């Protein structure tokens, strides 16, 4: 499993407890493709270290994840996810 580090402090609020739990389940089911370090989430395309990956950073208040998909040879997609009530 590629879950690294502890749950970021900003995730310690009730807002992100379910998200952190869900990320752990995804990491367990897909070893090597999900990595969390501090407030940074990396999703590897297929296997750890792949040249295709998503990297995003959670906002300090834990309500937004902003990042981008990166692909070999260039290109990709920027993505912003916002928690909904």
PDB file of N, CA and C in Angstrom:
ATOM      1  N   UNK A   1       0.846  -1.170   0.000  1.00  0.00           N
ATOM      2  CA  UNK A   1       0.000   0.000   0.000  1.00  0.00           C
ATOM      3  C   UNK A   1       0.892   1.234   0.000  1.00  0.00           C
ATOM      4  N   UNK A   2       0.454   2.266  -0.674  1.00  0.00           N
ATOM      5  CA  UNK A   2       1.263   3.461  -0.820  1.00  0.00           C
ATOM      6  C   UNK A   2       0.684   4.621  -0.016  1.00  0.00           C
ATOM      7  N   UNK A   3       0.008   4.342   1.062  1.00  0.00           N
ATOM      8  CA  UNK A   3      -0.498   5.395   1.943  1.00  0.00           C
ATOM      9  C   UNK A   3       0.679   5.826   2.773  1.00  0.00           C
ATOM     10  N   UNK A   4       1.081   7.083   2.668  1.00  0.00           N
ATOM     11  CA  UNK A   4       2.253   7.510   3.429  1.00  0.00           C
ATOM     12  C   UNK A   4       1.909   8.702   4.286  1.00  0.00           C
ATOM     13  N   UNK A   5       2.578   8.814   5.397  1.00  0.00           N
ATOM     14  CA  UNK A   5       2.338   9.935   6.302  1.00  0.00           C
ATOM     15  C   UNK A   5       1.062   9.722   7.092  1.00  0.00           C
ATOM     16  N   UNK A   6       0.753  10.682   7.914  1.00  0.00           N
ATOM     17  CA  UNK A   6      -0.465  10.606   8.710  1.00  0.00           C
ATOM     18  C   UNK A   6      -1.535  11.479   8.069  1.00  0.00           C
ATOM     19  N   UNK A   7      -2.727  11.389   8.598  1.00  0.00           N
ATOM     20  CA  UNK A   7      -3.804  12.236   8.084  1.00  0.00           C
ATOM     21  C   UNK A   7      -3.437  13.680   8.380  1.00  0.00           C
ATOM     22  N   UNK A   8      -3.417  14.545   7.359  1.00  0.00           N
ATOM     23  CA  UNK A   8      -3.041  15.945   7.582  1.00  0.00           C
ATOM     24  C   UNK A   8      -3.916  16.604   8.635  1.00  0.00           C
ATOM     25  N   UNK A   9      -3.337  17.522   9.382  1.00  0.00           N
ATOM     26  CA  UNK A   9      -4.066  18.192  10.457  1.00  0.00           C
ATOM     27  C   UNK A   9      -5.365  18.806   9.965  1.00  0.00           C
ATOM     28  N   UNK A  10      -5.344  19.404   8.761  1.00  0.00           N
ATOM     29  CA  UNK A  10      -6.562  20.025   8.257  1.00  0.00           C
ATOM     30  C   UNK A  10      -7.660  19.000   8.007  1.00  0.00           C
ATOM     31  N   UNK A  11      -7.290  17.722   7.927  1.00  0.00           N
ATOM     32  CA  UNK A  11      -8.291  16.680   7.736  1.00  0.00           C
ATOM     33  C   UNK A  11      -8.858  16.198   9.062  1.00  0.00           C
ATOM     34  N   UNK A  12      -8.340  16.676  10.168  1.00  0.00           N
ATOM     35  CA  UNK A  12      -8.770  16.183  11.469  1.00  0.00           C
ATOM     36  C   UNK A  12     -10.162  16.670  11.841  1.00  0.00           C
ATOM     37  N   UNK A  13     -10.711  17.592  11.091  1.00  0.00           N
ATOM     38  CA  UNK A  13     -12.058  18.081  11.360  1.00  0.00           C
ATOM     39  C   UNK A  13     -13.081  17.072  10.849  1.00  0.00           C
ATOM     40  N   UNK A  14     -14.315  17.123  11.355  1.00  0.00           N
ATOM     41  CA  UNK A  14     -15.352  16.220  10.867  1.00  0.00           C
ATOM     42  C   UNK A  14     -15.561  16.318   9.355  1.00  0.00           C
ATOM     43  N   UNK A  15     -15.231  17.467   8.772  1.00  0.00           N
ATOM     44  CA  UNK A  15     -15.402  17.654   7.331  1.00  0.00           C
ATOM     45  C   UNK A  15     -14.651  16.582   6.545  1.00  0.00           C
ATOM     46  N   UNK A  16     -13.403  16.286   6.949  1.00  0.00           N
ATOM     47  CA  UNK A  16     -12.580  15.383   6.156  1.00  0.00           C
ATOM     48  C   UNK A  16     -12.419  13.988   6.740  1.00  0.00           C
ATOM     49  N   UNK A  17     -12.997  13.706   7.898  1.00  0.00           N
ATOM     50  CA  UNK A  17     -12.820  12.373   8.463  1.00  0.00           C
ATOM     51  C   UNK A  17     -13.346  11.303   7.521  1.00  0.00           C
ATOM     52  N   UNK A  18     -14.505  11.520   6.894  1.00  0.00           N
ATOM     53  CA  UNK A  18     -15.042  10.549   5.945  1.00  0.00           C
ATOM     54  C   UNK A  18     -14.162  10.456   4.718  1.00  0.00           C
ATOM     55  N   UNK A  19     -13.639  11.590   4.229  1.00  0.00           N
ATOM     56  CA  UNK A  19     -12.770  11.584   3.050  1.00  0.00           C
ATOM     57  C   UNK A  19     -11.492  10.817   3.342  1.00  0.00           C
ATOM     58  N   UNK A  20     -10.897  11.043   4.492  1.00  0.00           N
ATOM     59  CA  UNK A  20      -9.662  10.343   4.851  1.00  0.00           C
ATOM     60  C   UNK A  20      -9.918   8.843   4.934  1.00  0.00           C
ATOM     61  N   UNK A  21     -11.032   8.461   5.503  1.00  0.00           N
ATOM     62  CA  UNK A  21     -11.391   7.053   5.599  1.00  0.00           C
ATOM     63  C   UNK A  21     -11.573   6.448   4.208  1.00  0.00           C
ATOM     64  N   UNK A  22     -12.243   7.184   3.334  1.00  0.00           N
ATOM     65  CA  UNK A  22     -12.452   6.700   1.969  1.00  0.00           C
ATOM     66  C   UNK A  22     -11.130   6.552   1.234  1.00  0.00           C
ATOM     67  N   UNK A  23     -10.203   7.499   1.422  1.00  0.00           N
ATOM     68  CA  UNK A  23      -8.896   7.412   0.768  1.00  0.00           C
ATOM     69  C   UNK A  23      -8.126   6.194   1.242  1.00  0.00           C
ATOM     70  N   UNK A  24      -8.228   5.869   2.527  1.00  0.00           N
ATOM     71  CA  UNK A  24      -7.561   4.677   3.041  1.00  0.00           C
ATOM     72  C   UNK A  24      -8.113   3.421   2.375  1.00  0.00           C
ATOM     73  N   UNK A  25      -9.448   3.361   2.210  1.00  0.00           N
ATOM     74  CA  UNK A  25     -10.067   2.205   1.569  1.00  0.00           C
ATOM     75  C   UNK A  25      -9.611   2.078   0.117  1.00  0.00           C
ATOM     76  N   UNK A  26      -9.552   3.199  -0.596  1.00  0.00           N
ATOM     77  CA  UNK A  26      -9.086   3.183  -1.985  1.00  0.00           C
ATOM     78  C   UNK A  26      -7.641   2.722  -2.040  1.00  0.00           C
ATOM     79  N   UNK A  27      -6.810   3.216  -1.131  1.00  0.00           N
ATOM     80  CA  UNK A  27      -5.396   2.827  -1.106  1.00  0.00           C
ATOM     81  C   UNK A  27      -5.251   1.335  -0.842  1.00  0.00           C
ATOM     82  N   UNK A  28      -6.057   0.800   0.065  1.00  0.00           N
ATOM     83  CA  UNK A  28      -5.980  -0.621   0.378  1.00  0.00           C
ATOM     84  C   UNK A  28      -6.407  -1.479  -0.814  1.00  0.00           C
ATOM     85  N   UNK A  29      -7.410  -1.019  -1.552  1.00  0.00           N
ATOM     86  CA  UNK A  29      -7.917  -1.777  -2.692  1.00  0.00           C
ATOM     87  C   UNK A  29      -7.045  -1.620  -3.936  1.00  0.00           C
ATOM     88  N   UNK A  30      -6.246  -0.566  -3.987  1.00  0.00           N
ATOM     89  CA  UNK A  30      -5.410  -0.275  -5.153  1.00  0.00           C
ATOM     90  C   UNK A  30      -3.985   0.017  -4.709  1.00  0.00           C
ATOM     91  N   UNK A  31      -3.291  -1.000  -4.212  1.00  0.00           N
ATOM     92  CA  UNK A  31      -1.956  -0.745  -3.679  1.00  0.00           C
ATOM     93  C   UNK A  31      -1.046  -0.098  -4.713  1.00  0.00           C
ATOM     94  N   UNK A  32      -0.343   0.914  -4.258  1.00  0.00           N
ATOM     95  CA  UNK A  32       0.638   1.559  -5.104  1.00  0.00           C
ATOM     96  C   UNK A  32       0.131   2.673  -5.980  1.00  0.00           C
ATOM     97  N   UNK A  33      -1.187   2.955  -5.964  1.00  0.00           N
ATOM     98  CA  UNK A  33      -1.671   3.994  -6.861  1.00  0.00           C
ATOM     99  C   UNK A  33      -2.112   5.267  -6.150  1.00  0.00           C
ATOM    100  N   UNK A  34      -2.240   5.233  -4.854  1.00  0.00           N
ATOM    101  CA  UNK A  34      -2.691   6.407  -4.110  1.00  0.00           C
ATOM    102  C   UNK A  34      -1.679   6.742  -3.034  1.00  0.00           C
ATOM    103  N   UNK A  35      -1.273   7.997  -2.967  1.00  0.00           N
ATOM    104  CA  UNK A  35      -0.277   8.424  -1.985  1.00  0.00           C
ATOM    105  C   UNK A  35      -0.730   9.755  -1.380  1.00  0.00           C
ATOM    106  N   UNK A  36      -0.712   9.837  -0.066  1.00  0.00           N
ATOM    107  CA  UNK A  36      -1.039  11.078   0.625  1.00  0.00           C
ATOM    108  C   UNK A  36       0.145  11.440   1.499  1.00  0.00           C
ATOM    109  N   UNK A  37       0.662  12.639   1.299  1.00  0.00           N
ATOM    110  CA  UNK A  37       1.787  13.141   2.093  1.00  0.00           C
ATOM    111  C   UNK A  37       1.445  14.564   2.497  1.00  0.00           C
ATOM    112  N   UNK A  38       1.204  14.767   3.793  1.00  0.00           N
ATOM    113  CA  UNK A  38       0.786  16.092   4.252  1.00  0.00           C
ATOM    114  C   UNK A  38      -0.544  16.461   3.623  1.00  0.00           C
ATOM    115  N   UNK A  39      -0.602  17.610   2.978  1.00  0.00           N
ATOM    116  CA  UNK A  39      -1.829  18.041   2.313  1.00  0.00           C
ATOM    117  C   UNK A  39      -1.828  17.732   0.818  1.00  0.00           C
ATOM    118  N   UNK A  40      -0.896  16.879   0.360  1.00  0.00           N
ATOM    119  CA  UNK A  40      -0.772  16.568  -1.062  1.00  0.00           C
ATOM    120  C   UNK A  40      -1.268  15.152  -1.360  1.00  0.00           C
ATOM    121  N   UNK A  41      -2.147  15.049  -2.346  1.00  0.00           N
ATOM    122  CA  UNK A  41      -2.671  13.765  -2.817  1.00  0.00           C
ATOM    123  C   UNK A  41      -2.079  13.485  -4.192  1.00  0.00           C
ATOM    124  N   UNK A  42      -1.498  12.289  -4.369  1.00  0.00           N
ATOM    125  CA  UNK A  42      -1.011  11.852  -5.673  1.00  0.00           C
ATOM    126  C   UNK A  42      -1.728  10.563  -6.032  1.00  0.00           C
ATOM    127  N   UNK A  43      -2.267  10.495  -7.247  1.00  0.00           N
ATOM    128  CA  UNK A  43      -2.878   9.283  -7.773  1.00  0.00           C
ATOM    129  C   UNK A  43      -2.044   8.875  -8.980  1.00  0.00           C
ATOM    130  N   UNK A  44      -1.384   7.743  -8.863  1.00  0.00           N
ATOM    131  CA  UNK A  44      -0.515   7.262  -9.946  1.00  0.00           C
ATOM    132  C   UNK A  44      -1.343   6.505 -10.959  1.00  0.00           C
ATOM    133  N   UNK A  45      -1.050   6.683 -12.227  1.00  0.00           N
ATOM    134  CA  UNK A  45      -1.754   5.993 -13.304  1.00  0.00           C
ATOM    135  C   UNK A  45      -1.249   4.576 -13.485  1.00  0.00           C
ATOM    136  N   UNK A  46      -1.903   3.623 -12.867  1.00  0.00           N
ATOM    137  CA  UNK A  46      -1.540   2.214 -13.021  1.00  0.00           C
ATOM    138  C   UNK A  46      -0.647   1.687 -11.930  1.00  0.00           C
ATOM    139  N   UNK A  47       0.494   2.320 -11.696  1.00  0.00           N
ATOM    140  CA  UNK A  47       1.414   1.853 -10.664  1.00  0.00           C
ATOM    141  C   UNK A  47       2.214   3.040 -10.129  1.00  0.00           C
ATOM    142  N   UNK A  48       2.785   2.876  -8.936  1.00  0.00           N
ATOM    143  CA  UNK A  48       3.556   3.939  -8.316  1.00  0.00           C
ATOM    144  C   UNK A  48       4.696   4.355  -9.237  1.00  0.00           C
ATOM    145  N   UNK A  49       4.878   5.672  -9.369  1.00  0.00           N
ATOM    146  CA  UNK A  49       5.961   6.197 -10.177  1.00  0.00           C
ATOM    147  C   UNK A  49       5.637   6.333 -11.654  1.00  0.00           C
ATOM    148  N   UNK A  50       4.413   6.020 -12.044  1.00  0.00           N
ATOM    149  CA  UNK A  50       4.010   6.116 -13.444  1.00  0.00           C
ATOM    150  C   UNK A  50       4.183   7.550 -13.961  1.00  0.00           C
ATOM    151  N   UNK A  51       4.487   7.722 -15.248  1.00  0.00           N
ATOM    152  CA  UNK A  51       4.593   9.065 -15.807  1.00  0.00           C
ATOM    153  C   UNK A  51       3.226   9.737 -15.975  1.00  0.00           C
ATOM    154  N   UNK A  52       2.150   8.982 -15.806  1.00  0.00           N
ATOM    155  CA  UNK A  52       0.805   9.550 -15.827  1.00  0.00           C
ATOM    156  C   UNK A  52       0.311   9.589 -14.380  1.00  0.00           C
ATOM    157  N   UNK A  53      -0.011  10.781 -13.889  1.00  0.00           N
ATOM    158  CA  UNK A  53      -0.420  10.900 -12.489  1.00  0.00           C
ATOM    159  C   UNK A  53      -1.235  12.172 -12.270  1.00  0.00           C
ATOM    160  N   UNK A  54      -1.974  12.162 -11.161  1.00  0.00           N
ATOM    161  CA  UNK A  54      -2.680  13.361 -10.695  1.00  0.00           C
ATOM    162  C   UNK A  54      -1.994  13.798  -9.412  1.00  0.00           C
ATOM    163  N   UNK A  55      -1.790  15.093  -9.250  1.00  0.00           N
ATOM    164  CA  UNK A  55      -1.269  15.615  -7.984  1.00  0.00           C
ATOM    165  C   UNK A  55      -2.084  16.841  -7.612  1.00  0.00           C
ATOM    166  N   UNK A  56      -2.627  16.822  -6.396  1.00  0.00           N
ATOM    167  CA  UNK A  56      -3.427  17.941  -5.919  1.00  0.00           C
ATOM    168  C   UNK A  56      -3.098  18.280  -4.487  1.00  0.00           C
ATOM    169  N   UNK A  57      -3.441  19.499  -4.093  1.00  0.00           N
ATOM    170  CA  UNK A  57      -3.182  19.975  -2.737  1.00  0.00           C
ATOM    171  C   UNK A  57      -4.502  20.387  -2.108  1.00  0.00           C
ATOM    172  N   UNK A  58      -4.731  19.900  -0.890  1.00  0.00           N
ATOM    173  CA  UNK A  58      -5.917  20.279  -0.131  1.00  0.00           C
ATOM    174  C   UNK A  58      -5.713  21.660   0.474  1.00  0.00           C
ATOM    175  N   UNK A  59      -6.753  22.493   0.446  1.00  0.00           N
ATOM    176  CA  UNK A  59      -6.684  23.823   1.058  1.00  0.00           C
ATOM    177  C   UNK A  59      -6.542  23.676   2.566  1.00  0.00           C
ATOM    178  N   UNK A  60      -6.042  24.723   3.213  1.00  0.00           N
ATOM    179  CA  UNK A  60      -5.836  24.690   4.665  1.00  0.00           C
ATOM    180  C   UNK A  60      -7.133  24.435   5.427  1.00  0.00           C
ATOM    181  N   UNK A  61      -8.265  24.937   4.890  1.00  0.00           N
ATOM    182  CA  UNK A  61      -9.535  24.712   5.585  1.00  0.00           C
ATOM    183  C   UNK A  61     -10.170  23.378   5.211  1.00  0.00           C
ATOM    184  N   UNK A  62      -9.525  22.628   4.316  1.00  0.00           N
ATOM    185  CA  UNK A  62      -9.990  21.290   3.986  1.00  0.00           C
ATOM    186  C   UNK A  62     -11.209  21.229   3.090  1.00  0.00           C
ATOM    187  N   UNK A  63     -11.552  22.310   2.425  1.00  0.00           N
ATOM    188  CA  UNK A  63     -12.765  22.290   1.607  1.00  0.00           C
ATOM    189  C   UNK A  63     -12.498  22.182   0.111  1.00  0.00           C
ATOM    190  N   UNK A  64     -11.239  22.319  -0.309  1.00  0.00           N
ATOM    191  CA  UNK A  64     -10.927  22.327  -1.735  1.00  0.00           C
ATOM    192  C   UNK A  64      -9.679  21.496  -2.014  1.00  0.00           C
ATOM    193  N   UNK A  65      -9.719  20.768  -3.130  1.00  0.00           N
ATOM    194  CA  UNK A  65      -8.567  20.032  -3.636  1.00  0.00           C
ATOM    195  C   UNK A  65      -8.285  20.588  -5.020  1.00  0.00           C
ATOM    196  N   UNK A  66      -7.083  21.146  -5.223  1.00  0.00           N
ATOM    197  CA  UNK A  66      -6.708  21.750  -6.504  1.00  0.00           C
ATOM    198  C   UNK A  66      -5.472  21.058  -7.039  1.00  0.00           C
ATOM    199  N   UNK A  67      -5.539  20.609  -8.301  1.00  0.00           N
ATOM    200  CA  UNK A  67      -4.397  19.918  -8.879  1.00  0.00           C
ATOM    201  C   UNK A  67      -4.569  19.704 -10.363  1.00  0.00           C
ATOM    202  N   UNK A  68      -3.802  18.749 -10.896  1.00  0.00           N
ATOM    203  CA  UNK A  68      -3.851  18.475 -12.331  1.00  0.00           C
ATOM    204  C   UNK A  68      -3.401  17.049 -12.618  1.00  0.00           C
ATOM    205  N   UNK A  69      -3.954  16.497 -13.702  1.00  0.00           N
ATOM    206  CA  UNK A  69      -3.473  15.244 -14.272  1.00  0.00           C
ATOM    207  C   UNK A  69      -2.323  15.585 -15.210  1.00  0.00           C
ATOM    208  N   UNK A  70      -1.269  14.805 -15.148  1.00  0.00           N
ATOM    209  CA  UNK A  70      -0.090  14.992 -15.992  1.00  0.00           C
ATOM    210  C   UNK A  70       0.102  13.722 -16.820  1.00  0.00           C
ATOM    211  N   UNK A  71       0.416  13.899 -18.101  1.00  0.00           N
ATOM    212  CA  UNK A  71       0.583  12.757 -18.996  1.00  0.00           C
ATOM    213  C   UNK A  71       1.944  12.801 -19.675  1.00  0.00           C
ATOM    214  N   UNK A  72       2.513  11.623 -19.967  1.00  0.00           N
ATOM    215  CA  UNK A  72       3.788  11.593 -20.674  1.00  0.00           C
ATOM    216  C   UNK A  72       3.628  12.273 -22.045  1.00  0.00           C
ATOM    217  N   UNK A  73       4.597  13.024 -22.429  1.00  0.00           N
ATOM    218  CA  UNK A  73       4.518  13.709 -23.706  1.00  0.00           C
ATOM    219  C   UNK A  73       3.777  15.029 -23.642  1.00  0.00           C
ATOM    220  N   UNK A  74       3.335  15.413 -22.438  1.00  0.00           N
ATOM    221  CA  UNK A  74       2.646  16.695 -22.281  1.00  0.00           C
ATOM    222  C   UNK A  74       1.143  16.544 -22.197  1.00  0.00           C
ATOM    223  N   UNK A  75       0.522  17.640 -21.914  1.00  0.00           N
ATOM    224  CA  UNK A  75      -0.936  17.646 -21.786  1.00  0.00           C
ATOM    225  C   UNK A  75      -1.382  17.258 -20.398  1.00  0.00           C
ATOM    226  N   UNK A  76      -2.664  17.289 -20.197  1.00  0.00           N
ATOM    227  CA  UNK A  76      -3.240  16.941 -18.918  1.00  0.00           C
ATOM    228  C   UNK A  76      -4.484  17.769 -18.669  1.00  0.00           C
ATOM    229  N   UNK A  77      -5.007  17.661 -17.480  1.00  0.00           N
ATOM    230  CA  UNK A  77      -6.218  18.372 -17.115  1.00  0.00           C
ATOM    231  C   UNK A  77      -6.060  18.978 -15.735  1.00  0.00           C
ATOM    232  N   UNK A  78      -6.373  20.249 -15.608  1.00  0.00           N
ATOM    233  CA  UNK A  78      -6.435  20.864 -14.283  1.00  0.00           C
ATOM    234  C   UNK A  78      -7.794  20.521 -13.678  1.00  0.00           C
ATOM    235  N   UNK A  79      -7.817  20.368 -12.363  1.00  0.00           N
ATOM    236  CA  UNK A  79      -9.063  20.004 -11.693  1.00  0.00           C
ATOM    237  C   UNK A  79      -9.136  20.684 -10.330  1.00  0.00           C
ATOM    238  N   UNK A  80     -10.297  21.197 -10.015  1.00  0.00           N
ATOM    239  CA  UNK A  80     -10.555  21.744  -8.686  1.00  0.00           C
ATOM    240  C   UNK A  80     -11.811  21.074  -8.154  1.00  0.00           C
ATOM    241  N   UNK A  81     -11.682  20.462  -6.988  1.00  0.00           N
ATOM    242  CA  UNK A  81     -12.812  19.805  -6.334  1.00  0.00           C
ATOM    243  C   UNK A  81     -13.156  20.598  -5.079  1.00  0.00           C
ATOM    244  N   UNK A  82     -14.442  20.867  -4.903  1.00  0.00           N
ATOM    245  CA  UNK A  82     -14.892  21.637  -3.747  1.00  0.00           C
ATOM    246  C   UNK A  82     -15.922  20.812  -2.988  1.00  0.00           C
ATOM    247  N   UNK A  83     -15.753  20.743  -1.682  1.00  0.00           N
ATOM    248  CA  UNK A  83     -16.691  19.999  -0.848  1.00  0.00           C
ATOM    249  C   UNK A  83     -18.070  20.649  -0.950  1.00  0.00           C
ATOM    250  N   UNK A  84     -19.092  19.805  -1.101  1.00  0.00           N
ATOM    251  CA  UNK A  84     -20.455  20.310  -1.146  1.00  0.00           C
ATOM    252  C   UNK A  84     -21.160  19.952   0.154  1.00  0.00           C
ATOM    253  N   UNK A  85     -22.075  20.780   0.542  1.00  0.00           N
ATOM    254  CA  UNK A  85     -22.825  20.537   1.778  1.00  0.00           C
ATOM    255  C   UNK A  85     -23.950  19.566   1.527  1.00  0.00           C
TER     256      UNK A  85
END
